Amino acid sequence: MTPKNAAGTARRRKIHIKVGDTVYVRSGRDREGRLTPEEIDRLDPEAQQREANRRPGRRGRVLRLLPDHEHLIVEGVNMVIKHSRPRGRATRATQIQTGRVEQPGPISIANVMLVCPNCDRPTRVRRGTLEKRTVRMCRRCGESVDAIK
C-alpha cells in the first residue's frame, strides 16, 4: 500500500535500488528458508526457527523497477508461468515462444536488500559524496556501491 501525504494523494518512497544492482531476497517463497515436512516433524519450534534463519536467501540482478507499486523484477526470482497464444503469421524469422512461458514476476522492494559489490554482503545504503558527486555507500564497509564514471 502506497503511503499518502496530508492532501490524501499518494506519494512515492525513495528507492535505494537501481536497475542492474544485485539484491538478496530477505523474505517470501524464494528465501529458501522453508523447511521440508520431514524437518518440521523432526525439530521442535525453536530449532525450526534457528534452522530457517541459517539458510540463505536467493540473489539476483534487478531487471526492472516498478516504483508506483513499490515492486521490482529480479532475474530468476518469483518465477511465474504466463500462457501465451500464437499471434500473427509464424515465419522462420519471427518465431515467438508460445504455450507456457516462465518469466520473473514482481517482488516487493521491502523483501529485498542491496548486495554490496565490494564486501559481497546484503547491506543498507547511505548517501555520501565521493569526487564531488553524491553516491550510494555501503553501511558495512563504507565503500561506494555506484560505479563512478
N, C-alpha and C. Protein backbone atom coordinates (compact mmCIF):
# COMPACT_ATOMS: atom_id res chain seq x y z
N MET A 1 0.84 -1.17 0.00
CA MET A 1 0.00 0.00 0.00
C MET A 1 0.89 1.24 0.00
N THR A 2 0.56 2.16 -0.89
CA THR A 2 1.36 3.37 -1.02
C THR A 2 0.97 4.38 0.05
N PRO A 3 1.93 4.95 0.77
CA PRO A 3 1.60 5.94 1.80
C PRO A 3 1.03 7.21 1.17
N LYS A 4 0.21 7.92 1.93
CA LYS A 4 -0.42 9.14 1.43
C LYS A 4 0.09 10.34 2.21
N ASN A 5 0.11 11.49 1.56
CA ASN A 5 0.54 12.72 2.22
C ASN A 5 -0.67 13.42 2.82
N ALA A 6 -0.51 14.64 3.33
CA ALA A 6 -1.58 15.36 4.02
C ALA A 6 -2.76 15.64 3.10
N ALA A 7 -2.52 15.84 1.82
CA ALA A 7 -3.60 16.13 0.88
C ALA A 7 -4.38 14.87 0.49
N GLY A 8 -3.89 13.71 0.88
CA GLY A 8 -4.57 12.45 0.57
C GLY A 8 -4.13 11.82 -0.73
N THR A 9 -3.16 12.42 -1.40
CA THR A 9 -2.66 11.83 -2.64
C THR A 9 -1.48 10.93 -2.33
N ALA A 10 -1.25 9.97 -3.21
CA ALA A 10 -0.17 9.02 -2.99
C ALA A 10 1.18 9.69 -3.20
N ARG A 11 2.14 9.36 -2.34
CA ARG A 11 3.49 9.86 -2.51
C ARG A 11 4.43 8.67 -2.69
N ARG A 12 5.47 8.90 -3.45
CA ARG A 12 6.43 7.83 -3.70
C ARG A 12 7.49 7.80 -2.62
N ARG A 13 7.91 6.60 -2.26
CA ARG A 13 9.03 6.46 -1.34
C ARG A 13 10.33 6.52 -2.13
N LYS A 14 11.38 6.88 -1.45
CA LYS A 14 12.70 6.91 -2.07
C LYS A 14 13.17 5.47 -2.24
N ILE A 15 13.55 5.12 -3.45
CA ILE A 15 14.01 3.76 -3.74
C ILE A 15 15.53 3.78 -3.81
N HIS A 16 16.17 2.91 -3.03
CA HIS A 16 17.63 2.88 -2.95
C HIS A 16 18.24 1.78 -3.82
N ILE A 17 17.43 1.20 -4.68
CA ILE A 17 17.89 0.13 -5.56
C ILE A 17 17.69 0.58 -7.00
N LYS A 18 18.67 0.27 -7.85
CA LYS A 18 18.60 0.66 -9.25
C LYS A 18 18.65 -0.58 -10.14
N VAL A 19 18.29 -0.41 -11.40
CA VAL A 19 18.34 -1.50 -12.37
C VAL A 19 19.79 -1.92 -12.54
N GLY A 20 20.03 -3.23 -12.52
CA GLY A 20 21.39 -3.76 -12.65
C GLY A 20 22.04 -4.11 -11.34
N ASP A 21 21.48 -3.66 -10.20
CA ASP A 21 22.02 -3.99 -8.89
C ASP A 21 21.76 -5.47 -8.57
N THR A 22 22.62 -6.05 -7.76
CA THR A 22 22.39 -7.39 -7.24
C THR A 22 21.69 -7.25 -5.90
N VAL A 23 20.61 -8.02 -5.73
CA VAL A 23 19.84 -7.94 -4.49
C VAL A 23 19.72 -9.32 -3.87
N TYR A 24 19.48 -9.33 -2.56
CA TYR A 24 19.32 -10.53 -1.75
C TYR A 24 17.86 -10.59 -1.32
N VAL A 25 17.20 -11.74 -1.50
CA VAL A 25 15.80 -11.89 -1.12
C VAL A 25 15.73 -12.22 0.36
N ARG A 26 15.12 -11.31 1.14
CA ARG A 26 15.04 -11.47 2.60
C ARG A 26 13.86 -12.33 3.02
N SER A 27 12.74 -12.23 2.34
CA SER A 27 11.56 -12.99 2.74
C SER A 27 10.73 -13.32 1.51
N GLY A 28 9.80 -14.23 1.69
CA GLY A 28 8.98 -14.69 0.57
C GLY A 28 9.31 -16.13 0.23
N ARG A 29 8.67 -16.62 -0.81
CA ARG A 29 8.84 -18.03 -1.14
C ARG A 29 10.22 -18.33 -1.72
N ASP A 30 10.92 -17.32 -2.21
CA ASP A 30 12.27 -17.53 -2.76
C ASP A 30 13.37 -17.31 -1.73
N ARG A 31 13.02 -17.24 -0.49
CA ARG A 31 14.02 -17.06 0.57
C ARG A 31 14.83 -18.32 0.80
N GLU A 32 14.28 -19.46 0.42
CA GLU A 32 14.90 -20.77 0.61
C GLU A 32 15.09 -21.10 2.08
N GLY A 33 14.34 -20.43 2.95
CA GLY A 33 14.43 -20.71 4.37
C GLY A 33 13.35 -21.67 4.83
N ARG A 34 12.55 -22.14 3.88
CA ARG A 34 11.46 -23.03 4.25
C ARG A 34 11.99 -24.43 4.54
N LEU A 35 11.41 -25.04 5.51
CA LEU A 35 11.81 -26.39 5.90
C LEU A 35 10.93 -27.41 5.21
N THR A 36 11.48 -28.61 5.02
CA THR A 36 10.69 -29.71 4.44
C THR A 36 9.76 -30.27 5.50
N PRO A 37 8.69 -30.96 5.10
CA PRO A 37 7.78 -31.55 6.10
C PRO A 37 8.49 -32.50 7.07
N GLU A 38 9.51 -33.22 6.60
CA GLU A 38 10.25 -34.14 7.48
C GLU A 38 11.00 -33.36 8.55
N GLU A 39 11.59 -32.23 8.17
CA GLU A 39 12.32 -31.42 9.15
C GLU A 39 11.38 -30.79 10.17
N ILE A 40 10.20 -30.42 9.73
CA ILE A 40 9.22 -29.85 10.66
C ILE A 40 8.79 -30.88 11.69
N ASP A 41 8.60 -32.12 11.25
CA ASP A 41 8.22 -33.19 12.19
C ASP A 41 9.35 -33.51 13.16
N ARG A 42 10.58 -33.45 12.67
CA ARG A 42 11.74 -33.86 13.47
C ARG A 42 12.18 -32.81 14.49
N LEU A 43 12.02 -31.52 14.17
CA LEU A 43 12.57 -30.45 15.01
C LEU A 43 11.48 -29.81 15.89
N ASP A 44 11.90 -29.34 17.06
CA ASP A 44 10.98 -28.58 17.92
C ASP A 44 10.89 -27.15 17.38
N PRO A 45 9.90 -26.33 17.78
CA PRO A 45 9.72 -25.00 17.21
C PRO A 45 10.93 -24.07 17.28
N GLU A 46 11.67 -24.10 18.39
CA GLU A 46 12.86 -23.24 18.49
C GLU A 46 13.94 -23.68 17.50
N ALA A 47 14.13 -24.98 17.37
CA ALA A 47 15.12 -25.50 16.42
C ALA A 47 14.69 -25.21 14.98
N GLN A 48 13.39 -25.24 14.72
CA GLN A 48 12.89 -24.90 13.39
C GLN A 48 13.25 -23.47 13.03
N GLN A 49 13.05 -22.55 13.97
CA GLN A 49 13.35 -21.13 13.73
C GLN A 49 14.84 -20.93 13.49
N ARG A 50 15.69 -21.58 14.30
CA ARG A 50 17.13 -21.46 14.12
C ARG A 50 17.57 -21.99 12.75
N GLU A 51 17.02 -23.13 12.37
CA GLU A 51 17.40 -23.75 11.10
C GLU A 51 16.95 -22.90 9.91
N ALA A 52 15.75 -22.33 9.99
CA ALA A 52 15.24 -21.49 8.90
C ALA A 52 16.07 -20.22 8.76
N ASN A 53 16.52 -19.64 9.86
CA ASN A 53 17.32 -18.42 9.81
C ASN A 53 18.73 -18.68 9.30
N ARG A 54 19.21 -19.91 9.40
CA ARG A 54 20.56 -20.24 8.93
C ARG A 54 20.64 -20.32 7.41
N ARG A 55 19.51 -20.61 6.79
CA ARG A 55 19.52 -20.84 5.34
C ARG A 55 19.56 -19.52 4.58
N PRO A 56 20.33 -19.47 3.51
CA PRO A 56 20.47 -18.21 2.78
C PRO A 56 19.28 -17.94 1.86
N GLY A 57 19.14 -16.66 1.51
CA GLY A 57 18.13 -16.27 0.53
C GLY A 57 18.74 -16.29 -0.86
N ARG A 58 17.91 -16.17 -1.84
CA ARG A 58 18.37 -16.19 -3.22
C ARG A 58 18.86 -14.80 -3.63
N ARG A 59 19.80 -14.75 -4.55
CA ARG A 59 20.32 -13.49 -5.07
C ARG A 59 20.00 -13.40 -6.55
N GLY A 60 19.87 -12.16 -7.03
CA GLY A 60 19.61 -11.96 -8.46
C GLY A 60 19.83 -10.52 -8.85
N ARG A 61 19.87 -10.29 -10.15
CA ARG A 61 20.09 -8.95 -10.70
C ARG A 61 18.74 -8.30 -10.98
N VAL A 62 18.61 -7.01 -10.67
CA VAL A 62 17.36 -6.29 -10.89
C VAL A 62 17.20 -6.01 -12.38
N LEU A 63 16.08 -6.47 -12.94
CA LEU A 63 15.82 -6.27 -14.35
C LEU A 63 14.98 -5.02 -14.61
N ARG A 64 14.02 -4.75 -13.69
CA ARG A 64 13.09 -3.65 -13.90
C ARG A 64 12.54 -3.15 -12.58
N LEU A 65 12.32 -1.85 -12.46
CA LEU A 65 11.72 -1.26 -11.28
C LEU A 65 10.29 -0.83 -11.59
N LEU A 66 9.39 -1.03 -10.63
CA LEU A 66 8.01 -0.57 -10.74
C LEU A 66 7.76 0.36 -9.55
N PRO A 67 8.24 1.62 -9.62
CA PRO A 67 8.20 2.50 -8.44
C PRO A 67 6.80 2.87 -7.99
N ASP A 68 5.82 2.92 -8.89
CA ASP A 68 4.45 3.27 -8.50
C ASP A 68 3.85 2.22 -7.57
N HIS A 69 4.22 0.96 -7.78
CA HIS A 69 3.70 -0.14 -6.97
C HIS A 69 4.68 -0.59 -5.89
N GLU A 70 5.86 0.04 -5.83
CA GLU A 70 6.93 -0.32 -4.91
C GLU A 70 7.34 -1.79 -5.05
N HIS A 71 7.49 -2.22 -6.29
CA HIS A 71 7.91 -3.57 -6.62
C HIS A 71 9.09 -3.51 -7.58
N LEU A 72 9.78 -4.62 -7.74
CA LEU A 72 10.83 -4.74 -8.74
C LEU A 72 10.83 -6.15 -9.28
N ILE A 73 11.46 -6.34 -10.42
CA ILE A 73 11.56 -7.65 -11.05
C ILE A 73 13.01 -8.07 -10.99
N VAL A 74 13.25 -9.25 -10.38
CA VAL A 74 14.60 -9.76 -10.17
C VAL A 74 14.78 -11.01 -11.01
N GLU A 75 15.93 -11.12 -11.65
CA GLU A 75 16.24 -12.23 -12.53
C GLU A 75 16.25 -13.55 -11.75
N GLY A 76 15.41 -14.50 -12.15
CA GLY A 76 15.38 -15.83 -11.55
C GLY A 76 14.64 -15.93 -10.24
N VAL A 77 13.94 -14.87 -9.80
CA VAL A 77 13.23 -14.88 -8.53
C VAL A 77 11.74 -14.70 -8.80
N ASN A 78 10.90 -15.40 -8.03
CA ASN A 78 9.44 -15.32 -8.15
C ASN A 78 9.00 -15.66 -9.57
N MET A 79 9.47 -16.79 -10.06
CA MET A 79 9.16 -17.21 -11.43
C MET A 79 7.68 -17.58 -11.53
N VAL A 80 7.00 -16.99 -12.52
CA VAL A 80 5.58 -17.25 -12.76
C VAL A 80 5.43 -17.80 -14.17
N ILE A 81 4.35 -18.54 -14.39
CA ILE A 81 4.09 -19.12 -15.70
C ILE A 81 3.03 -18.28 -16.39
N LYS A 82 3.36 -17.78 -17.58
CA LYS A 82 2.43 -17.00 -18.37
C LYS A 82 2.05 -17.83 -19.58
N HIS A 83 0.76 -17.89 -19.85
CA HIS A 83 0.27 -18.63 -21.01
C HIS A 83 0.10 -17.67 -22.17
N SER A 84 0.72 -17.97 -23.30
CA SER A 84 0.62 -17.08 -24.45
C SER A 84 0.16 -17.87 -25.67
N ARG A 85 -0.63 -17.19 -26.49
CA ARG A 85 -1.15 -17.79 -27.71
C ARG A 85 -0.34 -17.30 -28.89
N PRO A 86 -0.25 -18.11 -29.95
CA PRO A 86 0.45 -17.64 -31.14
C PRO A 86 -0.34 -16.52 -31.81
N ARG A 87 0.35 -15.44 -32.19
CA ARG A 87 -0.31 -14.31 -32.85
C ARG A 87 0.40 -14.00 -34.15
N GLY A 88 -0.35 -13.64 -35.15
CA GLY A 88 0.23 -13.29 -36.44
C GLY A 88 0.69 -14.53 -37.19
N ARG A 89 1.39 -14.28 -38.26
CA ARG A 89 1.91 -15.39 -39.06
C ARG A 89 3.27 -15.79 -38.52
N ALA A 90 3.42 -17.05 -38.26
CA ALA A 90 4.69 -17.55 -37.74
C ALA A 90 5.63 -17.84 -38.90
N THR A 91 6.67 -17.05 -39.01
CA THR A 91 7.68 -17.29 -40.03
C THR A 91 8.96 -17.71 -39.32
N ARG A 92 9.89 -18.11 -40.12
CA ARG A 92 11.14 -18.57 -39.53
C ARG A 92 11.89 -17.43 -38.84
N ALA A 93 11.77 -16.22 -39.38
CA ALA A 93 12.49 -15.07 -38.82
C ALA A 93 11.88 -14.62 -37.49
N THR A 94 10.57 -14.73 -37.35
CA THR A 94 9.91 -14.28 -36.12
C THR A 94 9.24 -15.45 -35.43
N GLN A 95 10.01 -16.25 -34.78
CA GLN A 95 9.45 -17.37 -34.02
C GLN A 95 9.23 -16.92 -32.59
N ILE A 96 7.97 -16.77 -32.20
CA ILE A 96 7.60 -16.34 -30.87
C ILE A 96 7.30 -17.59 -30.05
N GLN A 97 7.86 -17.62 -28.84
CA GLN A 97 7.61 -18.77 -27.98
C GLN A 97 6.17 -18.71 -27.50
N THR A 98 5.45 -19.81 -27.70
CA THR A 98 4.04 -19.86 -27.29
C THR A 98 3.85 -20.98 -26.29
N GLY A 99 2.66 -21.01 -25.70
CA GLY A 99 2.36 -22.03 -24.70
C GLY A 99 2.65 -21.50 -23.31
N ARG A 100 3.26 -22.32 -22.47
CA ARG A 100 3.58 -21.92 -21.10
C ARG A 100 4.99 -21.33 -21.07
N VAL A 101 5.08 -20.04 -20.80
CA VAL A 101 6.35 -19.33 -20.76
C VAL A 101 6.63 -18.94 -19.31
N GLU A 102 7.82 -19.31 -18.81
CA GLU A 102 8.18 -18.97 -17.44
C GLU A 102 8.98 -17.67 -17.44
N GLN A 103 8.55 -16.71 -16.60
CA GLN A 103 9.22 -15.42 -16.53
C GLN A 103 9.19 -14.91 -15.10
N PRO A 104 10.13 -14.00 -14.73
CA PRO A 104 10.14 -13.49 -13.35
C PRO A 104 8.97 -12.54 -13.10
N GLY A 105 8.37 -12.66 -11.92
CA GLY A 105 7.27 -11.80 -11.53
C GLY A 105 7.76 -10.73 -10.57
N PRO A 106 6.91 -9.74 -10.28
CA PRO A 106 7.32 -8.66 -9.38
C PRO A 106 7.42 -9.13 -7.93
N ILE A 107 8.32 -8.50 -7.18
CA ILE A 107 8.51 -8.78 -5.76
C ILE A 107 8.61 -7.43 -5.05
N SER A 108 8.11 -7.34 -3.84
CA SER A 108 8.09 -6.08 -3.11
C SER A 108 9.51 -5.63 -2.77
N ILE A 109 9.72 -4.32 -2.84
CA ILE A 109 11.03 -3.76 -2.53
C ILE A 109 11.40 -4.02 -1.07
N ALA A 110 10.38 -4.12 -0.20
CA ALA A 110 10.63 -4.36 1.22
C ALA A 110 11.21 -5.74 1.48
N ASN A 111 11.06 -6.66 0.53
CA ASN A 111 11.53 -8.03 0.73
C ASN A 111 12.94 -8.28 0.20
N VAL A 112 13.62 -7.25 -0.29
CA VAL A 112 14.98 -7.44 -0.82
C VAL A 112 15.93 -6.45 -0.16
N MET A 113 17.21 -6.81 -0.19
CA MET A 113 18.29 -5.92 0.28
C MET A 113 19.36 -5.85 -0.79
N LEU A 114 19.96 -4.69 -0.91
CA LEU A 114 21.04 -4.49 -1.86
C LEU A 114 22.28 -5.26 -1.41
N VAL A 115 22.98 -5.90 -2.35
CA VAL A 115 24.23 -6.60 -2.05
C VAL A 115 25.38 -5.69 -2.48
N CYS A 116 26.26 -5.41 -1.53
CA CYS A 116 27.42 -4.55 -1.81
C CYS A 116 28.37 -5.29 -2.75
N PRO A 117 28.79 -4.68 -3.87
CA PRO A 117 29.71 -5.36 -4.78
C PRO A 117 31.12 -5.51 -4.21
N ASN A 118 31.47 -4.72 -3.18
CA ASN A 118 32.81 -4.79 -2.61
C ASN A 118 32.93 -5.88 -1.55
N CYS A 119 32.02 -5.87 -0.56
CA CYS A 119 32.12 -6.86 0.53
C CYS A 119 31.22 -8.06 0.29
N ASP A 120 30.38 -8.04 -0.77
CA ASP A 120 29.52 -9.16 -1.18
C ASP A 120 28.59 -9.61 -0.05
N ARG A 121 28.03 -8.64 0.69
CA ARG A 121 27.09 -8.94 1.77
C ARG A 121 25.86 -8.05 1.62
N PRO A 122 24.67 -8.54 2.03
CA PRO A 122 23.49 -7.68 1.99
C PRO A 122 23.66 -6.51 2.95
N THR A 123 23.28 -5.33 2.50
CA THR A 123 23.51 -4.13 3.31
C THR A 123 22.46 -3.08 3.03
N ARG A 124 22.34 -2.13 3.96
CA ARG A 124 21.57 -0.93 3.71
C ARG A 124 22.52 0.08 3.09
N VAL A 125 21.97 1.14 2.51
CA VAL A 125 22.83 2.13 1.89
C VAL A 125 22.65 3.48 2.56
N ARG A 126 23.67 4.30 2.45
CA ARG A 126 23.59 5.69 2.91
C ARG A 126 24.14 6.55 1.78
N ARG A 127 23.85 7.82 1.85
CA ARG A 127 24.33 8.75 0.84
C ARG A 127 25.64 9.38 1.31
N GLY A 128 26.56 9.52 0.39
CA GLY A 128 27.83 10.15 0.71
C GLY A 128 28.38 10.84 -0.54
N THR A 129 29.36 11.67 -0.36
CA THR A 129 29.96 12.36 -1.51
C THR A 129 31.33 11.76 -1.79
N LEU A 130 31.59 11.56 -3.05
CA LEU A 130 32.85 11.00 -3.50
C LEU A 130 33.21 11.70 -4.81
N GLU A 131 34.33 12.38 -4.84
CA GLU A 131 34.76 13.14 -6.02
C GLU A 131 33.69 14.14 -6.44
N LYS A 132 33.13 14.85 -5.47
CA LYS A 132 32.12 15.89 -5.66
C LYS A 132 30.82 15.37 -6.28
N ARG A 133 30.54 14.11 -6.07
CA ARG A 133 29.29 13.52 -6.55
C ARG A 133 28.62 12.78 -5.41
N THR A 134 27.28 12.82 -5.35
CA THR A 134 26.55 12.07 -4.34
C THR A 134 26.39 10.64 -4.83
N VAL A 135 26.83 9.69 -4.01
CA VAL A 135 26.77 8.28 -4.38
C VAL A 135 26.16 7.48 -3.24
N ARG A 136 25.71 6.27 -3.58
CA ARG A 136 25.24 5.34 -2.55
C ARG A 136 26.45 4.64 -1.95
N MET A 137 26.48 4.53 -0.61
CA MET A 137 27.62 3.91 0.06
C MET A 137 27.13 2.77 0.94
N CYS A 138 27.95 1.73 1.05
CA CYS A 138 27.65 0.57 1.87
C CYS A 138 27.76 0.93 3.34
N ARG A 139 26.81 0.51 4.14
CA ARG A 139 26.85 0.78 5.58
C ARG A 139 27.85 -0.13 6.29
N ARG A 140 28.16 -1.29 5.71
CA ARG A 140 29.06 -2.25 6.36
C ARG A 140 30.53 -1.90 6.13
N CYS A 141 30.90 -1.70 4.85
CA CYS A 141 32.32 -1.48 4.56
C CYS A 141 32.65 -0.02 4.25
N GLY A 142 31.64 0.81 3.99
CA GLY A 142 31.88 2.23 3.74
C GLY A 142 32.30 2.55 2.33
N GLU A 143 32.39 1.56 1.44
CA GLU A 143 32.78 1.79 0.07
C GLU A 143 31.58 2.20 -0.78
N SER A 144 31.84 2.79 -1.93
CA SER A 144 30.79 3.22 -2.84
C SER A 144 30.16 2.02 -3.53
N VAL A 145 28.84 2.04 -3.63
CA VAL A 145 28.11 0.97 -4.31
C VAL A 145 28.01 1.31 -5.80
N ASP A 146 27.92 2.59 -6.12
CA ASP A 146 27.80 3.04 -7.50
C ASP A 146 29.16 3.05 -8.18
N ALA A 147 29.16 2.70 -9.47
CA ALA A 147 30.39 2.80 -10.24
C ALA A 147 30.55 4.23 -10.72
N ILE A 148 31.68 4.83 -10.43
CA ILE A 148 31.93 6.21 -10.82
C ILE A 148 32.52 6.21 -12.22
N LYS A 149 31.90 7.01 -13.09
CA LYS A 149 32.34 7.05 -14.49
C LYS A 149 33.17 8.26 -14.76
